[in-house]
């Protein structure tokens, strides 16, 4: 399932996973590596989502004692939570309809 704005995709399973792994790893670079995509592609997908929403989804932190990193904004965390609730609800609905029709 994709969420679209004016016919343009913003969030789907792949981008959802990217944001989840960025949140988990605290790094776009590490997330890209784990997802087997280039950093450029990962960063590009995040920038496209931000541009389409008109809202920041990540905050990059530069160096320092603990090193740099990236964290999701509260907006991104809320978006993921809502997307997960939506997909779970759709899955429950489809499973119920399937059982009613085929079983």
PDB file of N, CA and C in Angstrom:
ATOM      1  N   UNK A   1       0.835  -1.168   0.000  1.00  0.00           N
ATOM      2  CA  UNK A   1       0.000   0.000   0.000  1.00  0.00           C
ATOM      3  C   UNK A   1       0.888   1.242   0.000  1.00  0.00           C
ATOM      4  N   UNK A   2       0.504   2.199  -0.826  1.00  0.00           N
ATOM      5  CA  UNK A   2       1.205   3.475  -0.932  1.00  0.00           C
ATOM      6  C   UNK A   2       0.314   4.602  -0.434  1.00  0.00           C
ATOM      7  N   UNK A   3       0.926   5.593   0.171  1.00  0.00           N
ATOM      8  CA  UNK A   3       0.237   6.836   0.456  1.00  0.00           C
ATOM      9  C   UNK A   3       0.706   7.820  -0.600  1.00  0.00           C
ATOM     10  N   UNK A   4      -0.247   8.483  -1.246  1.00  0.00           N
ATOM     11  CA  UNK A   4       0.072   9.431  -2.310  1.00  0.00           C
ATOM     12  C   UNK A   4      -0.482  10.811  -1.987  1.00  0.00           C
ATOM     13  N   UNK A   5       0.162  11.810  -2.534  1.00  0.00           N
ATOM     14  CA  UNK A   5      -0.329  13.182  -2.494  1.00  0.00           C
ATOM     15  C   UNK A   5      -0.306  13.684  -3.922  1.00  0.00           C
ATOM     16  N   UNK A   6      -1.438  14.124  -4.408  1.00  0.00           N
ATOM     17  CA  UNK A   6      -1.614  14.607  -5.772  1.00  0.00           C
ATOM     18  C   UNK A   6      -1.047  13.587  -6.774  1.00  0.00           C
ATOM     19  N   UNK A   7      -1.380  12.308  -6.535  1.00  0.00           N
ATOM     20  CA  UNK A   7      -0.985  11.259  -7.448  1.00  0.00           C
ATOM     21  C   UNK A   7       0.482  10.866  -7.407  1.00  0.00           C
ATOM     22  N   UNK A   8       1.237  11.421  -6.467  1.00  0.00           N
ATOM     23  CA  UNK A   8       2.664  11.082  -6.358  1.00  0.00           C
ATOM     24  C   UNK A   8       2.903  10.307  -5.073  1.00  0.00           C
ATOM     25  N   UNK A   9       3.576   9.136  -5.163  1.00  0.00           N
ATOM     26  CA  UNK A   9       3.797   8.318  -3.965  1.00  0.00           C
ATOM     27  C   UNK A   9       4.707   9.015  -2.948  1.00  0.00           C
ATOM     28  N   UNK A  10       4.300   8.904  -1.696  1.00  0.00           N
ATOM     29  CA  UNK A  10       5.106   9.448  -0.605  1.00  0.00           C
ATOM     30  C   UNK A  10       5.681   8.321   0.235  1.00  0.00           C
ATOM     31  N   UNK A  11       4.810   7.407   0.646  1.00  0.00           N
ATOM     32  CA  UNK A  11       5.256   6.357   1.560  1.00  0.00           C
ATOM     33  C   UNK A  11       4.631   5.037   1.174  1.00  0.00           C
ATOM     34  N   UNK A  12       5.488   4.025   1.074  1.00  0.00           N
ATOM     35  CA  UNK A  12       5.073   2.658   0.803  1.00  0.00           C
ATOM     36  C   UNK A  12       5.973   1.734   1.600  1.00  0.00           C
ATOM     37  N   UNK A  13       5.894   0.449   1.350  1.00  0.00           N
ATOM     38  CA  UNK A  13       6.675  -0.506   2.132  1.00  0.00           C
ATOM     39  C   UNK A  13       8.190  -0.261   2.116  1.00  0.00           C
ATOM     40  N   UNK A  14       8.745   0.045   0.959  1.00  0.00           N
ATOM     41  CA  UNK A  14      10.191   0.255   0.869  1.00  0.00           C
ATOM     42  C   UNK A  14      10.654   1.493   1.617  1.00  0.00           C
ATOM     43  N   UNK A  15       9.963   2.587   1.423  1.00  0.00           N
ATOM     44  CA  UNK A  15      10.335   3.830   2.104  1.00  0.00           C
ATOM     45  C   UNK A  15      10.041   3.731   3.603  1.00  0.00           C
ATOM     46  N   UNK A  16       8.987   3.017   3.955  1.00  0.00           N
ATOM     47  CA  UNK A  16       8.686   2.790   5.365  1.00  0.00           C
ATOM     48  C   UNK A  16       9.849   2.037   6.017  1.00  0.00           C
ATOM     49  N   UNK A  17      10.325   1.011   5.335  1.00  0.00           N
ATOM     50  CA  UNK A  17      11.447   0.224   5.862  1.00  0.00           C
ATOM     51  C   UNK A  17      12.712   1.080   5.969  1.00  0.00           C
ATOM     52  N   UNK A  18      12.947   1.924   4.992  1.00  0.00           N
ATOM     53  CA  UNK A  18      14.101   2.821   5.045  1.00  0.00           C
ATOM     54  C   UNK A  18      14.034   3.702   6.291  1.00  0.00           C
ATOM     55  N   UNK A  19      12.907   4.334   6.521  1.00  0.00           N
ATOM     56  CA  UNK A  19      12.779   5.195   7.697  1.00  0.00           C
ATOM     57  C   UNK A  19      12.916   4.396   8.990  1.00  0.00           C
ATOM     58  N   UNK A  20      12.359   3.197   9.027  1.00  0.00           N
ATOM     59  CA  UNK A  20      12.460   2.353  10.213  1.00  0.00           C
ATOM     60  C   UNK A  20      13.912   2.006  10.520  1.00  0.00           C
ATOM     61  N   UNK A  21      14.674   1.641   9.493  1.00  0.00           N
ATOM     62  CA  UNK A  21      16.068   1.252   9.701  1.00  0.00           C
ATOM     63  C   UNK A  21      16.928   2.474  10.034  1.00  0.00           C
ATOM     64  N   UNK A  22      16.642   3.620   9.436  1.00  0.00           N
ATOM     65  CA  UNK A  22      17.351   4.851   9.811  1.00  0.00           C
ATOM     66  C   UNK A  22      17.120   5.123  11.295  1.00  0.00           C
ATOM     67  N   UNK A  23      15.886   4.984  11.740  1.00  0.00           N
ATOM     68  CA  UNK A  23      15.550   5.212  13.145  1.00  0.00           C
ATOM     69  C   UNK A  23      16.295   4.224  14.039  1.00  0.00           C
ATOM     70  N   UNK A  24      16.316   2.989  13.627  1.00  0.00           N
ATOM     71  CA  UNK A  24      16.956   1.920  14.398  1.00  0.00           C
ATOM     72  C   UNK A  24      18.478   2.100  14.456  1.00  0.00           C
ATOM     73  N   UNK A  25      19.079   2.448  13.327  1.00  0.00           N
ATOM     74  CA  UNK A  25      20.538   2.531  13.230  1.00  0.00           C
ATOM     75  C   UNK A  25      21.095   3.915  13.569  1.00  0.00           C
ATOM     76  N   UNK A  26      20.255   4.936  13.484  1.00  0.00           N
ATOM     77  CA  UNK A  26      20.728   6.298  13.733  1.00  0.00           C
ATOM     78  C   UNK A  26      21.634   6.802  12.628  1.00  0.00           C
ATOM     79  N   UNK A  27      21.469   6.232  11.433  1.00  0.00           N
ATOM     80  CA  UNK A  27      22.366   6.577  10.326  1.00  0.00           C
ATOM     81  C   UNK A  27      21.727   6.209   8.991  1.00  0.00           C
ATOM     82  N   UNK A  28      21.746   7.156   8.064  1.00  0.00           N
ATOM     83  CA  UNK A  28      21.267   6.862   6.715  1.00  0.00           C
ATOM     84  C   UNK A  28      22.245   5.911   6.027  1.00  0.00           C
ATOM     85  N   UNK A  29      23.523   6.132   6.241  1.00  0.00           N
ATOM     86  CA  UNK A  29      24.545   5.288   5.624  1.00  0.00           C
ATOM     87  C   UNK A  29      24.416   3.831   6.072  1.00  0.00           C
ATOM     88  N   UNK A  30      24.254   3.600   7.363  1.00  0.00           N
ATOM     89  CA  UNK A  30      24.094   2.234   7.871  1.00  0.00           C
ATOM     90  C   UNK A  30      22.807   1.614   7.370  1.00  0.00           C
ATOM     91  N   UNK A  31      21.753   2.411   7.337  1.00  0.00           N
ATOM     92  CA  UNK A  31      20.472   1.901   6.835  1.00  0.00           C
ATOM     93  C   UNK A  31      20.602   1.492   5.369  1.00  0.00           C
ATOM     94  N   UNK A  32      21.227   2.339   4.577  1.00  0.00           N
ATOM     95  CA  UNK A  32      21.416   2.026   3.158  1.00  0.00           C
ATOM     96  C   UNK A  32      22.200   0.734   2.989  1.00  0.00           C
ATOM     97  N   UNK A  33      23.256   0.596   3.768  1.00  0.00           N
ATOM     98  CA  UNK A  33      24.078  -0.617   3.694  1.00  0.00           C
ATOM     99  C   UNK A  33      23.247  -1.855   4.031  1.00  0.00           C
ATOM    100  N   UNK A  34      22.479  -1.794   5.125  1.00  0.00           N
ATOM    101  CA  UNK A  34      21.663  -2.936   5.528  1.00  0.00           C
ATOM    102  C   UNK A  34      20.576  -3.267   4.508  1.00  0.00           C
ATOM    103  N   UNK A  35      20.046  -2.232   3.857  1.00  0.00           N
ATOM    104  CA  UNK A  35      18.989  -2.440   2.867  1.00  0.00           C
ATOM    105  C   UNK A  35      19.534  -2.714   1.465  1.00  0.00           C
ATOM    106  N   UNK A  36      20.858  -2.697   1.361  1.00  0.00           N
ATOM    107  CA  UNK A  36      21.533  -2.981   0.091  1.00  0.00           C
ATOM    108  C   UNK A  36      21.154  -1.990  -1.007  1.00  0.00           C
ATOM    109  N   UNK A  37      21.103  -0.711  -0.620  1.00  0.00           N
ATOM    110  CA  UNK A  37      20.912   0.368  -1.583  1.00  0.00           C
ATOM    111  C   UNK A  37      22.030   1.379  -1.350  1.00  0.00           C
ATOM    112  N   UNK A  38      22.245   2.253  -2.309  1.00  0.00           N
ATOM    113  CA  UNK A  38      23.289   3.254  -2.144  1.00  0.00           C
ATOM    114  C   UNK A  38      22.829   4.349  -1.180  1.00  0.00           C
ATOM    115  N   UNK A  39      23.790   5.002  -0.578  1.00  0.00           N
ATOM    116  CA  UNK A  39      23.490   6.140   0.293  1.00  0.00           C
ATOM    117  C   UNK A  39      22.727   7.194  -0.503  1.00  0.00           C
ATOM    118  N   UNK A  40      23.176   7.408  -1.724  1.00  0.00           N
ATOM    119  CA  UNK A  40      22.547   8.419  -2.574  1.00  0.00           C
ATOM    120  C   UNK A  40      21.064   8.117  -2.813  1.00  0.00           C
ATOM    121  N   UNK A  41      20.749   6.845  -3.060  1.00  0.00           N
ATOM    122  CA  UNK A  41      19.355   6.464  -3.273  1.00  0.00           C
ATOM    123  C   UNK A  41      18.554   6.658  -1.984  1.00  0.00           C
ATOM    124  N   UNK A  42      19.104   6.232  -0.853  1.00  0.00           N
ATOM    125  CA  UNK A  42      18.410   6.376   0.431  1.00  0.00           C
ATOM    126  C   UNK A  42      18.147   7.844   0.735  1.00  0.00           C
ATOM    127  N   UNK A  43      19.183   8.672   0.611  1.00  0.00           N
ATOM    128  CA  UNK A  43      19.035  10.089   0.897  1.00  0.00           C
ATOM    129  C   UNK A  43      18.060  10.732  -0.091  1.00  0.00           C
ATOM    130  N   UNK A  44      18.122  10.310  -1.349  1.00  0.00           N
ATOM    131  CA  UNK A  44      17.217  10.834  -2.368  1.00  0.00           C
ATOM    132  C   UNK A  44      15.758  10.518  -2.051  1.00  0.00           C
ATOM    133  N   UNK A  45      15.494   9.310  -1.601  1.00  0.00           N
ATOM    134  CA  UNK A  45      14.126   8.936  -1.250  1.00  0.00           C
ATOM    135  C   UNK A  45      13.615   9.763  -0.071  1.00  0.00           C
ATOM    136  N   UNK A  46      14.466   9.986   0.902  1.00  0.00           N
ATOM    137  CA  UNK A  46      14.080  10.798   2.060  1.00  0.00           C
ATOM    138  C   UNK A  46      13.793  12.229   1.621  1.00  0.00           C
ATOM    139  N   UNK A  47      14.657  12.792   0.782  1.00  0.00           N
ATOM    140  CA  UNK A  47      14.465  14.165   0.316  1.00  0.00           C
ATOM    141  C   UNK A  47      13.177  14.306  -0.501  1.00  0.00           C
ATOM    142  N   UNK A  48      12.853  13.306  -1.325  1.00  0.00           N
ATOM    143  CA  UNK A  48      11.618  13.332  -2.112  1.00  0.00           C
ATOM    144  C   UNK A  48      10.411  13.329  -1.178  1.00  0.00           C
ATOM    145  N   UNK A  49      10.436  12.464  -0.157  1.00  0.00           N
ATOM    146  CA  UNK A  49       9.322  12.422   0.796  1.00  0.00           C
ATOM    147  C   UNK A  49       9.174  13.772   1.495  1.00  0.00           C
ATOM    148  N   UNK A  50      10.292  14.343   1.928  1.00  0.00           N
ATOM    149  CA  UNK A  50      10.254  15.630   2.612  1.00  0.00           C
ATOM    150  C   UNK A  50       9.705  16.731   1.698  1.00  0.00           C
ATOM    151  N   UNK A  51      10.134  16.720   0.455  1.00  0.00           N
ATOM    152  CA  UNK A  51       9.680  17.746  -0.486  1.00  0.00           C
ATOM    153  C   UNK A  51       8.180  17.622  -0.752  1.00  0.00           C
ATOM    154  N   UNK A  52       7.699  16.396  -0.930  1.00  0.00           N
ATOM    155  CA  UNK A  52       6.290  16.186  -1.215  1.00  0.00           C
ATOM    156  C   UNK A  52       5.404  16.521  -0.012  1.00  0.00           C
ATOM    157  N   UNK A  53       5.915  16.268   1.194  1.00  0.00           N
ATOM    158  CA  UNK A  53       5.154  16.568   2.401  1.00  0.00           C
ATOM    159  C   UNK A  53       5.331  18.017   2.848  1.00  0.00           C
ATOM    160  N   UNK A  54       6.454  18.619   2.443  1.00  0.00           N
ATOM    161  CA  UNK A  54       6.771  19.963   2.901  1.00  0.00           C
ATOM    162  C   UNK A  54       7.173  19.991   4.364  1.00  0.00           C
ATOM    163  N   UNK A  55       7.675  18.852   4.852  1.00  0.00           N
ATOM    164  CA  UNK A  55       8.059  18.716   6.255  1.00  0.00           C
ATOM    165  C   UNK A  55       9.356  17.934   6.369  1.00  0.00           C
ATOM    166  N   UNK A  56      10.198  18.259   7.350  1.00  0.00           N
ATOM    167  CA  UNK A  56      11.413  17.465   7.553  1.00  0.00           C
ATOM    168  C   UNK A  56      11.081  16.121   8.200  1.00  0.00           C
ATOM    169  N   UNK A  57      11.733  15.076   7.737  1.00  0.00           N
ATOM    170  CA  UNK A  57      11.538  13.742   8.303  1.00  0.00           C
ATOM    171  C   UNK A  57      12.752  13.262   9.082  1.00  0.00           C
ATOM    172  N   UNK A  58      13.924  13.821   8.781  1.00  0.00           N
ATOM    173  CA  UNK A  58      15.146  13.443   9.502  1.00  0.00           C
ATOM    174  C   UNK A  58      15.903  14.688   9.926  1.00  0.00           C
ATOM    175  N   UNK A  59      16.688  14.513  10.986  1.00  0.00           N
ATOM    176  CA  UNK A  59      17.592  15.558  11.450  1.00  0.00           C
ATOM    177  C   UNK A  59      18.973  14.934  11.478  1.00  0.00           C
ATOM    178  N   UNK A  60      19.882  15.527  10.711  1.00  0.00           N
ATOM    179  CA  UNK A  60      21.255  15.031  10.679  1.00  0.00           C
ATOM    180  C   UNK A  60      22.059  15.751  11.757  1.00  0.00           C
ATOM    181  N   UNK A  61      22.854  14.993  12.488  1.00  0.00           N
ATOM    182  CA  UNK A  61      23.719  15.541  13.526  1.00  0.00           C
ATOM    183  C   UNK A  61      25.162  15.319  13.097  1.00  0.00           C
ATOM    184  N   UNK A  62      25.948  16.367  13.105  1.00  0.00           N
ATOM    185  CA  UNK A  62      27.337  16.239  12.692  1.00  0.00           C
ATOM    186  C   UNK A  62      28.216  15.858  13.876  1.00  0.00           C
ATOM    187  N   UNK A  63      29.305  15.155  13.574  1.00  0.00           N
ATOM    188  CA  UNK A  63      30.369  14.761  14.493  1.00  0.00           C
ATOM    189  C   UNK A  63      30.183  15.010  15.966  1.00  0.00           C
ATOM    190  N   UNK A  64      31.275  15.311  16.619  1.00  0.00           N
ATOM    191  CA  UNK A  64      31.261  15.500  18.059  1.00  0.00           C
ATOM    192  C   UNK A  64      31.805  14.279  18.762  1.00  0.00           C
ATOM    193  N   UNK A  65      31.687  14.263  20.070  1.00  0.00           N
ATOM    194  CA  UNK A  65      32.253  13.164  20.861  1.00  0.00           C
ATOM    195  C   UNK A  65      31.653  11.814  20.506  1.00  0.00           C
ATOM    196  N   UNK A  66      30.329  11.767  20.358  1.00  0.00           N
ATOM    197  CA  UNK A  66      29.676  10.497  20.045  1.00  0.00           C
ATOM    198  C   UNK A  66      29.578  10.224  18.568  1.00  0.00           C
ATOM    199  N   UNK A  67      30.141  11.092  17.752  1.00  0.00           N
ATOM    200  CA  UNK A  67      30.030  10.940  16.305  1.00  0.00           C
ATOM    201  C   UNK A  67      28.724  11.517  15.809  1.00  0.00           C
ATOM    202  N   UNK A  68      28.569  11.537  14.527  1.00  0.00           N
ATOM    203  CA  UNK A  68      27.361  12.092  13.928  1.00  0.00           C
ATOM    204  C   UNK A  68      26.273  11.054  13.838  1.00  0.00           C
ATOM    205  N   UNK A  69      25.203  11.411  13.188  1.00  0.00           N
ATOM    206  CA  UNK A  69      24.118  10.467  13.024  1.00  0.00           C
ATOM    207  C   UNK A  69      22.892  11.156  12.468  1.00  0.00           C
ATOM    208  N   UNK A  70      21.842  10.390  12.376  1.00  0.00           N
ATOM    209  CA  UNK A  70      20.576  10.883  11.854  1.00  0.00           C
ATOM    210  C   UNK A  70      19.465  10.326  12.719  1.00  0.00           C
ATOM    211  N   UNK A  71      18.513  11.175  13.025  1.00  0.00           N
ATOM    212  CA  UNK A  71      17.349  10.701  13.771  1.00  0.00           C
ATOM    213  C   UNK A  71      16.087  11.157  13.057  1.00  0.00           C
ATOM    214  N   UNK A  72      15.019  10.425  13.279  1.00  0.00           N
ATOM    215  CA  UNK A  72      13.738  10.802  12.697  1.00  0.00           C
ATOM    216  C   UNK A  72      13.134  11.937  13.516  1.00  0.00           C
ATOM    217  N   UNK A  73      12.431  12.811  12.829  1.00  0.00           N
ATOM    218  CA  UNK A  73      11.702  13.868  13.501  1.00  0.00           C
ATOM    219  C   UNK A  73      10.434  13.263  14.111  1.00  0.00           C
ATOM    220  N   UNK A  74       9.828  13.961  15.062  1.00  0.00           N
ATOM    221  CA  UNK A  74       8.535  13.486  15.576  1.00  0.00           C
ATOM    222  C   UNK A  74       7.492  13.329  14.460  1.00  0.00           C
ATOM    223  N   UNK A  75       7.558  14.181  13.457  1.00  0.00           N
ATOM    224  CA  UNK A  75       6.648  14.077  12.309  1.00  0.00           C
ATOM    225  C   UNK A  75       6.828  12.739  11.602  1.00  0.00           C
ATOM    226  N   UNK A  76       8.076  12.330  11.382  1.00  0.00           N
ATOM    227  CA  UNK A  76       8.353  11.053  10.713  1.00  0.00           C
ATOM    228  C   UNK A  76       7.897   9.887  11.576  1.00  0.00           C
ATOM    229  N   UNK A  77       8.132   9.964  12.864  1.00  0.00           N
ATOM    230  CA  UNK A  77       7.708   8.886  13.760  1.00  0.00           C
ATOM    231  C   UNK A  77       6.186   8.755  13.760  1.00  0.00           C
ATOM    232  N   UNK A  78       5.494   9.888  13.754  1.00  0.00           N
ATOM    233  CA  UNK A  78       4.037   9.891  13.703  1.00  0.00           C
ATOM    234  C   UNK A  78       3.542   9.321  12.368  1.00  0.00           C
ATOM    235  N   UNK A  79       4.193   9.712  11.277  1.00  0.00           N
ATOM    236  CA  UNK A  79       3.837   9.210   9.952  1.00  0.00           C
ATOM    237  C   UNK A  79       3.978   7.692   9.895  1.00  0.00           C
ATOM    238  N   UNK A  80       5.086   7.156  10.426  1.00  0.00           N
ATOM    239  CA  UNK A  80       5.291   5.706  10.437  1.00  0.00           C
ATOM    240  C   UNK A  80       4.235   5.005  11.281  1.00  0.00           C
ATOM    241  N   UNK A  81       3.934   5.563  12.418  1.00  0.00           N
ATOM    242  CA  UNK A  81       2.926   4.970  13.290  1.00  0.00           C
ATOM    243  C   UNK A  81       1.564   4.912  12.594  1.00  0.00           C
ATOM    244  N   UNK A  82       1.183   5.999  11.949  1.00  0.00           N
ATOM    245  CA  UNK A  82      -0.096   6.041  11.241  1.00  0.00           C
ATOM    246  C   UNK A  82      -0.105   5.087  10.049  1.00  0.00           C
ATOM    247  N   UNK A  83       1.009   5.031   9.325  1.00  0.00           N
ATOM    248  CA  UNK A  83       1.106   4.127   8.183  1.00  0.00           C
ATOM    249  C   UNK A  83       0.966   2.679   8.652  1.00  0.00           C
ATOM    250  N   UNK A  84       1.629   2.352   9.758  1.00  0.00           N
ATOM    251  CA  UNK A  84       1.560   0.988  10.286  1.00  0.00           C
ATOM    252  C   UNK A  84       0.136   0.638  10.721  1.00  0.00           C
ATOM    253  N   UNK A  85      -0.556   1.578  11.359  1.00  0.00           N
ATOM    254  CA  UNK A  85      -1.945   1.336  11.762  1.00  0.00           C
ATOM    255  C   UNK A  85      -2.833   1.142  10.541  1.00  0.00           C
ATOM    256  N   UNK A  86      -2.606   1.947   9.515  1.00  0.00           N
ATOM    257  CA  UNK A  86      -3.394   1.845   8.290  1.00  0.00           C
ATOM    258  C   UNK A  86      -3.175   0.499   7.608  1.00  0.00           C
ATOM    259  N   UNK A  87      -1.925   0.095   7.447  1.00  0.00           N
ATOM    260  CA  UNK A  87      -1.650  -1.170   6.760  1.00  0.00           C
ATOM    261  C   UNK A  87      -2.158  -2.361   7.571  1.00  0.00           C
ATOM    262  N   UNK A  88      -2.046  -2.282   8.899  1.00  0.00           N
ATOM    263  CA  UNK A  88      -2.563  -3.371   9.731  1.00  0.00           C
ATOM    264  C   UNK A  88      -4.082  -3.461   9.576  1.00  0.00           C
ATOM    265  N   UNK A  89      -4.755  -2.320   9.584  1.00  0.00           N
ATOM    266  CA  UNK A  89      -6.203  -2.313   9.408  1.00  0.00           C
ATOM    267  C   UNK A  89      -6.619  -2.861   8.059  1.00  0.00           C
ATOM    268  N   UNK A  90      -5.893  -2.487   7.018  1.00  0.00           N
ATOM    269  CA  UNK A  90      -6.201  -2.991   5.675  1.00  0.00           C
ATOM    270  C   UNK A  90      -5.974  -4.502   5.606  1.00  0.00           C
ATOM    271  N   UNK A  91      -4.920  -4.973   6.227  1.00  0.00           N
ATOM    272  CA  UNK A  91      -4.626  -6.405   6.235  1.00  0.00           C
ATOM    273  C   UNK A  91      -5.743  -7.173   6.956  1.00  0.00           C
ATOM    274  N   UNK A  92      -6.199  -6.639   8.088  1.00  0.00           N
ATOM    275  CA  UNK A  92      -7.293  -7.286   8.820  1.00  0.00           C
ATOM    276  C   UNK A  92      -8.566  -7.309   7.982  1.00  0.00           C
ATOM    277  N   UNK A  93      -8.851  -6.213   7.310  1.00  0.00           N
ATOM    278  CA  UNK A  93     -10.034  -6.133   6.459  1.00  0.00           C
ATOM    279  C   UNK A  93      -9.960  -7.136   5.314  1.00  0.00           C
ATOM    280  N   UNK A  94      -8.832  -7.183   4.633  1.00  0.00           N
ATOM    281  CA  UNK A  94      -8.660  -8.106   3.508  1.00  0.00           C
ATOM    282  C   UNK A  94      -8.741  -9.553   3.982  1.00  0.00           C
ATOM    283  N   UNK A  95      -8.101  -9.869   5.104  1.00  0.00           N
ATOM    284  CA  UNK A  95      -8.155 -11.243   5.625  1.00  0.00           C
ATOM    285  C   UNK A  95      -9.584 -11.645   5.983  1.00  0.00           C
ATOM    286  N   UNK A  96     -10.326 -10.709   6.580  1.00  0.00           N
ATOM    287  CA  UNK A  96     -11.716 -10.992   6.916  1.00  0.00           C
ATOM    288  C   UNK A  96     -12.555 -11.229   5.674  1.00  0.00           C
ATOM    289  N   UNK A  97     -12.370 -10.387   4.673  1.00  0.00           N
ATOM    290  CA  UNK A  97     -13.117 -10.557   3.410  1.00  0.00           C
ATOM    291  C   UNK A  97     -12.736 -11.864   2.727  1.00  0.00           C
ATOM    292  N   UNK A  98     -11.449 -12.201   2.736  1.00  0.00           N
ATOM    293  CA  UNK A  98     -10.987 -13.445   2.133  1.00  0.00           C
ATOM    294  C   UNK A  98     -11.663 -14.639   2.790  1.00  0.00           C
ATOM    295  N   UNK A  99     -11.657 -14.650   4.107  1.00  0.00           N
ATOM    296  CA  UNK A  99     -12.289 -15.769   4.826  1.00  0.00           C
ATOM    297  C   UNK A  99     -13.775 -15.859   4.529  1.00  0.00           C
ATOM    298  N   UNK A 100     -14.431 -14.708   4.450  1.00  0.00           N
ATOM    299  CA  UNK A 100     -15.859 -14.688   4.157  1.00  0.00           C
ATOM    300  C   UNK A 100     -16.183 -15.178   2.753  1.00  0.00           C
ATOM    301  N   UNK A 101     -15.295 -14.984   1.832  1.00  0.00           N
ATOM    302  CA  UNK A 101     -15.532 -15.376   0.446  1.00  0.00           C
ATOM    303  C   UNK A 101     -15.055 -16.794   0.155  1.00  0.00           C
ATOM    304  N   UNK A 102     -13.857 -17.163   0.636  1.00  0.00           N
ATOM    305  CA  UNK A 102     -13.242 -18.425   0.229  1.00  0.00           C
ATOM    306  C   UNK A 102     -13.334 -19.547   1.270  1.00  0.00           C
ATOM    307  N   UNK A 103     -13.623 -19.214   2.496  1.00  0.00           N
ATOM    308  CA  UNK A 103     -13.624 -20.277   3.515  1.00  0.00           C
ATOM    309  C   UNK A 103     -14.993 -20.516   4.089  1.00  0.00           C
TER     310      UNK A 103
END
